[in-house]
Structure formats: structure tokens, C-alpha cells
Amino acid sequence: MYLHQQLMKARHDDLLRAAARDRLAAQARRARPPRRRHLVAAPVRRRAAVRLRQLLSRPATIHTRRTP
């Protein structure tokens, strides 16, 4: 019976330590500001930025409709 009581106390202590660790982790998560979520993945944004720069670096041309 004595060994059983020691095992139960050790298990209880482990549970208390785990709960305290989880509580500290939850507090740390709350303290940090949430990460900014991007709507578009980074490689796609980079490709779009490159395309936009290429488009804006070209001289503007006026497209007119040809009449026969």
C-alpha cells in the first residue's frame, strides 16, 4: 500500500507540474500579438510584384482600334 501511495503522489505531482507548464505556455501565447496572416502565399506575391514592376517599367502604349 505504501508504494501505491508514493506512485499516486508522484503522478499527482506530475499532473500539477504539467498543468502549471500549460498555464505558462497559454499566458505566453496570449502575451504575443497574433501573427499577420497573408492572404496569398509568399512566392505568389513575389511573382505578382515582379510582373507589376515589369508592367510599370514599360512605356505606355495607347491601343487604338484600326478601321478598315
Protein backbone atom coordinates (compact mmCIF):
# COMPACT_ATOMS: atom_id res chain seq x y z
CA MET A 1 0.00 0.00 0.00
CA TYR A 2 2.88 2.36 0.79
CA LEU A 3 4.37 2.01 -2.70
CA HIS A 4 0.95 2.66 -4.25
CA GLN A 5 0.61 5.90 -2.29
CA GLN A 6 4.04 7.09 -3.45
CA LEU A 7 3.20 6.30 -7.06
CA MET A 8 -0.13 8.13 -6.80
CA LYS A 9 1.56 11.17 -5.21
CA ALA A 10 4.24 11.21 -7.94
CA ARG A 11 1.56 11.01 -10.63
CA HIS A 12 -0.41 13.81 -8.97
CA ASP A 13 2.73 15.97 -8.76
CA ASP A 14 3.44 15.33 -12.45
CA LEU A 15 -0.09 16.38 -13.35
CA LEU A 16 0.24 19.57 -11.30
CA ARG A 17 3.57 20.40 -12.97
CA ALA A 18 2.11 19.76 -16.42
CA ALA A 19 -0.88 21.97 -15.66
CA ALA A 20 1.39 24.80 -14.48
CA ARG A 21 3.55 24.42 -17.61
CA ASP A 22 0.46 24.54 -19.83
CA ARG A 23 -0.79 27.61 -17.98
CA LEU A 24 2.53 29.40 -18.52
CA ALA A 25 2.52 28.46 -22.20
CA ALA A 26 -1.04 29.75 -22.59
CA GLN A 27 -0.08 33.05 -20.93
CA ALA A 28 2.90 33.42 -23.25
CA ARG A 29 0.69 32.78 -26.29
CA ARG A 30 -1.77 35.43 -25.12
CA ALA A 31 1.01 37.96 -24.50
CA ARG A 32 2.33 37.71 -28.06
CA PRO A 33 0.46 39.60 -30.74
CA PRO A 34 -1.14 37.32 -33.31
CA ARG A 35 0.89 36.71 -36.44
CA ARG A 36 -0.22 38.56 -39.53
CA ARG A 37 -1.91 36.16 -41.90
CA HIS A 38 -1.18 36.65 -45.57
CA LEU A 39 -3.99 36.05 -47.99
CA VAL A 40 -1.58 34.93 -50.70
CA ALA A 41 1.50 32.74 -50.31
CA ALA A 42 4.90 34.50 -50.42
CA PRO A 43 6.14 33.06 -53.76
CA VAL A 44 2.92 34.09 -55.48
CA ARG A 45 3.18 37.61 -54.01
CA ARG A 46 6.79 37.88 -55.20
CA ARG A 47 5.85 36.78 -58.72
CA ALA A 48 3.00 39.27 -58.79
CA ALA A 49 5.32 42.06 -57.63
CA VAL A 50 7.84 41.23 -60.37
CA ARG A 51 5.11 41.20 -63.01
CA LEU A 52 3.75 44.52 -61.77
CA ARG A 53 7.22 46.10 -61.86
CA GLN A 54 7.74 44.83 -65.42
CA LEU A 55 4.37 46.18 -66.46
CA LEU A 56 5.01 49.59 -64.93
CA SER A 57 8.54 49.87 -66.37
CA ARG A 58 7.33 49.54 -69.97
CA PRO A 59 6.39 52.70 -71.85
CA ALA A 60 2.68 53.25 -72.00
CA THR A 61 1.14 52.49 -75.38
CA ILE A 62 -2.25 53.59 -76.50
CA HIS A 63 -4.17 50.82 -78.15
CA THR A 64 -6.45 52.17 -80.82
CA ARG A 65 -8.79 50.18 -82.96
CA ARG A 66 -7.91 50.08 -86.60
CA THR A 67 -10.65 50.93 -89.01
CA PRO A 68 -10.53 49.33 -92.45
